[in-house]
Amino acid sequence: MNEAKKMQRLHQLSVKGETLTAVEQTALQNWYENLDREEELILTTSYRN
């Protein structure tokens, strides 16, 4: 399973209220932060054009 699919699975478990391990929680939080950075970069770049 690739990294994105793993993170999507963790996200789904989290949304359902499942308990995640500390390692899973940290990985999911890091994934969210990366997605936020990517989104910000895309939005910032698209507004400049």
PDB file of N, CA and C in Angstrom:
ATOM      1  N   MET A   1       0.858  -1.174   0.000  1.00  0.00           N
ATOM      2  CA  MET A   1       0.000   0.000   0.000  1.00  0.00           C
ATOM      3  C   MET A   1       0.905   1.238   0.000  1.00  0.00           C
ATOM      4  N   ASN A   2       0.614   2.181  -0.893  1.00  0.00           N
ATOM      5  CA  ASN A   2       1.462   3.371  -0.938  1.00  0.00           C
ATOM      6  C   ASN A   2       1.121   4.331   0.207  1.00  0.00           C
ATOM      7  N   GLU A   3       1.972   5.302   0.378  1.00  0.00           N
ATOM      8  CA  GLU A   3       1.854   6.220   1.520  1.00  0.00           C
ATOM      9  C   GLU A   3       0.527   6.981   1.531  1.00  0.00           C
ATOM     10  N   ALA A   4       0.101   7.461   0.381  1.00  0.00           N
ATOM     11  CA  ALA A   4      -1.159   8.218   0.320  1.00  0.00           C
ATOM     12  C   ALA A   4      -2.338   7.342   0.729  1.00  0.00           C
ATOM     13  N   LYS A   5      -2.349   6.106   0.282  1.00  0.00           N
ATOM     14  CA  LYS A   5      -3.451   5.204   0.644  1.00  0.00           C
ATOM     15  C   LYS A   5      -3.432   4.896   2.134  1.00  0.00           C
ATOM     16  N   LYS A   6      -2.245   4.744   2.705  1.00  0.00           N
ATOM     17  CA  LYS A   6      -2.134   4.511   4.151  1.00  0.00           C
ATOM     18  C   LYS A   6      -2.705   5.695   4.924  1.00  0.00           C
ATOM     19  N   MET A   7      -2.346   6.893   4.482  1.00  0.00           N
ATOM     20  CA  MET A   7      -2.814   8.089   5.174  1.00  0.00           C
ATOM     21  C   MET A   7      -4.320   8.271   5.000  1.00  0.00           C
ATOM     22  N   GLN A   8      -4.833   7.959   3.822  1.00  0.00           N
ATOM     23  CA  GLN A   8      -6.279   8.045   3.604  1.00  0.00           C
ATOM     24  C   GLN A   8      -7.012   7.068   4.512  1.00  0.00           C
ATOM     25  N   ARG A   9      -6.446   5.866   4.677  1.00  0.00           N
ATOM     26  CA  ARG A   9      -7.053   4.874   5.560  1.00  0.00           C
ATOM     27  C   ARG A   9      -7.044   5.365   7.000  1.00  0.00           C
ATOM     28  N   LEU A  10      -5.919   5.938   7.439  1.00  0.00           N
ATOM     29  CA  LEU A  10      -5.847   6.482   8.794  1.00  0.00           C
ATOM     30  C   LEU A  10      -6.845   7.624   8.972  1.00  0.00           C
ATOM     31  N   HIS A  11      -6.963   8.461   7.964  1.00  0.00           N
ATOM     32  CA  HIS A  11      -7.931   9.567   8.018  1.00  0.00           C
ATOM     33  C   HIS A  11      -9.345   9.017   8.189  1.00  0.00           C
ATOM     34  N   GLN A  12      -9.690   8.012   7.405  1.00  0.00           N
ATOM     35  CA  GLN A  12     -11.027   7.419   7.499  1.00  0.00           C
ATOM     36  C   GLN A  12     -11.268   6.825   8.879  1.00  0.00           C
ATOM     37  N   LEU A  13     -10.270   6.132   9.425  1.00  0.00           N
ATOM     38  CA  LEU A  13     -10.412   5.563  10.764  1.00  0.00           C
ATOM     39  C   LEU A  13     -10.615   6.669  11.795  1.00  0.00           C
ATOM     40  N   SER A  14      -9.842   7.734  11.666  1.00  0.00           N
ATOM     41  CA  SER A  14      -9.925   8.847  12.601  1.00  0.00           C
ATOM     42  C   SER A  14     -11.299   9.511  12.546  1.00  0.00           C
ATOM     43  N   VAL A  15     -11.805   9.725  11.343  1.00  0.00           N
ATOM     44  CA  VAL A  15     -13.115  10.355  11.169  1.00  0.00           C
ATOM     45  C   VAL A  15     -14.215   9.494  11.785  1.00  0.00           C
ATOM     46  N   LYS A  16     -14.041   8.187  11.713  1.00  0.00           N
ATOM     47  CA  LYS A  16     -15.030   7.265  12.290  1.00  0.00           C
ATOM     48  C   LYS A  16     -14.931   7.182  13.810  1.00  0.00           C
ATOM     49  N   GLY A  17     -13.909   7.820  14.373  1.00  0.00           N
ATOM     50  CA  GLY A  17     -13.753   7.811  15.819  1.00  0.00           C
ATOM     51  C   GLY A  17     -12.907   6.670  16.345  1.00  0.00           C
ATOM     52  N   GLU A  18     -12.235   5.957  15.432  1.00  0.00           N
ATOM     53  CA  GLU A  18     -11.360   4.863  15.847  1.00  0.00           C
ATOM     54  C   GLU A  18     -10.139   5.433  16.565  1.00  0.00           C
ATOM     55  N   THR A  19      -9.611   4.663  17.483  1.00  0.00           N
ATOM     56  CA  THR A  19      -8.415   5.070  18.209  1.00  0.00           C
ATOM     57  C   THR A  19      -7.181   4.757  17.373  1.00  0.00           C
ATOM     58  N   LEU A  20      -6.332   5.760  17.200  1.00  0.00           N
ATOM     59  CA  LEU A  20      -5.077   5.587  16.481  1.00  0.00           C
ATOM     60  C   LEU A  20      -3.935   5.552  17.482  1.00  0.00           C
ATOM     61  N   THR A  21      -2.879   4.858  17.120  1.00  0.00           N
ATOM     62  CA  THR A  21      -1.691   4.853  17.968  1.00  0.00           C
ATOM     63  C   THR A  21      -1.030   6.225  17.883  1.00  0.00           C
ATOM     64  N   ALA A  22      -0.122   6.486  18.787  1.00  0.00           N
ATOM     65  CA  ALA A  22       0.602   7.762  18.774  1.00  0.00           C
ATOM     66  C   ALA A  22       1.366   7.923  17.466  1.00  0.00           C
ATOM     67  N   VAL A  23       1.953   6.851  16.987  1.00  0.00           N
ATOM     68  CA  VAL A  23       2.703   6.897  15.728  1.00  0.00           C
ATOM     69  C   VAL A  23       1.760   7.216  14.569  1.00  0.00           C
ATOM     70  N   GLU A  24       0.595   6.578  14.552  1.00  0.00           N
ATOM     71  CA  GLU A  24      -0.388   6.839  13.505  1.00  0.00           C
ATOM     72  C   GLU A  24      -0.901   8.271  13.575  1.00  0.00           C
ATOM     73  N   GLN A  25      -1.153   8.767  14.776  1.00  0.00           N
ATOM     74  CA  GLN A  25      -1.629  10.142  14.946  1.00  0.00           C
ATOM     75  C   GLN A  25      -0.600  11.138  14.435  1.00  0.00           C
ATOM     76  N   THR A  26       0.659  10.890  14.757  1.00  0.00           N
ATOM     77  CA  THR A  26       1.731  11.777  14.304  1.00  0.00           C
ATOM     78  C   THR A  26       1.857  11.737  12.789  1.00  0.00           C
ATOM     79  N   ALA A  27       1.805  10.550  12.222  1.00  0.00           N
ATOM     80  CA  ALA A  27       1.896  10.410  10.766  1.00  0.00           C
ATOM     81  C   ALA A  27       0.741  11.134  10.085  1.00  0.00           C
ATOM     82  N   LEU A  28      -0.453  10.991  10.632  1.00  0.00           N
ATOM     83  CA  LEU A  28      -1.629  11.639  10.054  1.00  0.00           C
ATOM     84  C   LEU A  28      -1.521  13.157  10.165  1.00  0.00           C
ATOM     85  N   GLN A  29      -1.069  13.645  11.303  1.00  0.00           N
ATOM     86  CA  GLN A  29      -0.895  15.087  11.485  1.00  0.00           C
ATOM     87  C   GLN A  29       0.138  15.636  10.507  1.00  0.00           C
ATOM     88  N   ASN A  30       1.232  14.919  10.322  1.00  0.00           N
ATOM     89  CA  ASN A  30       2.254  15.338   9.358  1.00  0.00           C
ATOM     90  C   ASN A  30       1.693  15.355   7.941  1.00  0.00           C
ATOM     91  N   TRP A  31       0.866  14.379   7.619  1.00  0.00           N
ATOM     92  CA  TRP A  31       0.248  14.306   6.293  1.00  0.00           C
ATOM     93  C   TRP A  31      -0.669  15.505   6.081  1.00  0.00           C
ATOM     94  N   TYR A  32      -1.485  15.815   7.098  1.00  0.00           N
ATOM     95  CA  TYR A  32      -2.365  16.987   7.007  1.00  0.00           C
ATOM     96  C   TYR A  32      -1.544  18.262   6.785  1.00  0.00           C
ATOM     97  N   GLU A  33      -0.457  18.397   7.521  1.00  0.00           N
ATOM     98  CA  GLU A  33       0.388  19.587   7.381  1.00  0.00           C
ATOM     99  C   GLU A  33       0.987  19.674   5.985  1.00  0.00           C
ATOM    100  N   ASN A  34       1.418  18.543   5.438  1.00  0.00           N
ATOM    101  CA  ASN A  34       1.958  18.535   4.076  1.00  0.00           C
ATOM    102  C   ASN A  34       0.889  18.920   3.059  1.00  0.00           C
ATOM    103  N   LEU A  35      -0.307  18.390   3.231  1.00  0.00           N
ATOM    104  CA  LEU A  35      -1.402  18.749   2.322  1.00  0.00           C
ATOM    105  C   LEU A  35      -1.716  20.238   2.411  1.00  0.00           C
ATOM    106  N   ASP A  36      -1.710  20.772   3.625  1.00  0.00           N
ATOM    107  CA  ASP A  36      -1.960  22.205   3.805  1.00  0.00           C
ATOM    108  C   ASP A  36      -0.897  23.042   3.103  1.00  0.00           C
ATOM    109  N   ARG A  37       0.374  22.646   3.231  1.00  0.00           N
ATOM    110  CA  ARG A  37       1.464  23.376   2.567  1.00  0.00           C
ATOM    111  C   ARG A  37       1.310  23.317   1.049  1.00  0.00           C
ATOM    112  N   GLU A  38       0.988  22.131   0.536  1.00  0.00           N
ATOM    113  CA  GLU A  38       0.802  21.988  -0.907  1.00  0.00           C
ATOM    114  C   GLU A  38      -0.359  22.851  -1.394  1.00  0.00           C
ATOM    115  N   GLU A  39      -1.451  22.839  -0.647  1.00  0.00           N
ATOM    116  CA  GLU A  39      -2.612  23.643  -1.016  1.00  0.00           C
ATOM    117  C   GLU A  39      -2.260  25.130  -1.002  1.00  0.00           C
ATOM    118  N   GLU A  40      -1.560  25.564   0.019  1.00  0.00           N
ATOM    119  CA  GLU A  40      -1.163  26.970   0.119  1.00  0.00           C
ATOM    120  C   GLU A  40      -0.277  27.364  -1.050  1.00  0.00           C
ATOM    121  N   LEU A  41       0.655  26.497  -1.409  1.00  0.00           N
ATOM    122  CA  LEU A  41       1.540  26.769  -2.533  1.00  0.00           C
ATOM    123  C   LEU A  41       0.749  26.885  -3.833  1.00  0.00           C
ATOM    124  N   ILE A  42      -0.176  25.989  -4.039  1.00  0.00           N
ATOM    125  CA  ILE A  42      -1.006  26.018  -5.248  1.00  0.00           C
ATOM    126  C   ILE A  42      -1.840  27.289  -5.293  1.00  0.00           C
ATOM    127  N   LEU A  43      -2.472  27.627  -4.177  1.00  0.00           N
ATOM    128  CA  LEU A  43      -3.309  28.824  -4.149  1.00  0.00           C
ATOM    129  C   LEU A  43      -2.486  30.086  -4.341  1.00  0.00           C
ATOM    130  N   THR A  44      -1.343  30.149  -3.702  1.00  0.00           N
ATOM    131  CA  THR A  44      -0.478  31.316  -3.826  1.00  0.00           C
ATOM    132  C   THR A  44       0.017  31.467  -5.254  1.00  0.00           C
ATOM    133  N   THR A  45       0.416  30.371  -5.856  1.00  0.00           N
ATOM    134  CA  THR A  45       0.920  30.396  -7.225  1.00  0.00           C
ATOM    135  C   THR A  45      -0.183  30.753  -8.209  1.00  0.00           C
ATOM    136  N   SER A  46      -1.374  30.212  -8.012  1.00  0.00           N
ATOM    137  CA  SER A  46      -2.462  30.473  -8.962  1.00  0.00           C
ATOM    138  C   SER A  46      -2.936  31.922  -8.887  1.00  0.00           C
ATOM    139  N   TYR A  47      -2.855  32.549  -7.730  1.00  0.00           N
ATOM    140  CA  TYR A  47      -3.268  33.950  -7.605  1.00  0.00           C
ATOM    141  C   TYR A  47      -2.272  34.896  -8.257  1.00  0.00           C
ATOM    142  N   ARG A  48      -1.032  34.480  -8.379  1.00  0.00           N
ATOM    143  CA  ARG A  48      -0.016  35.332  -8.999  1.00  0.00           C
ATOM    144  C   ARG A  48      -0.177  35.384 -10.508  1.00  0.00           C
ATOM    145  N   ASN A  49      -0.751  34.350 -11.084  1.00  0.00           N
ATOM    146  CA  ASN A  49      -0.848  34.269 -12.553  1.00  0.00           C
ATOM    147  C   ASN A  49      -2.017  35.010 -13.094  1.00  0.00           C
TER     148      ASN A  49
END
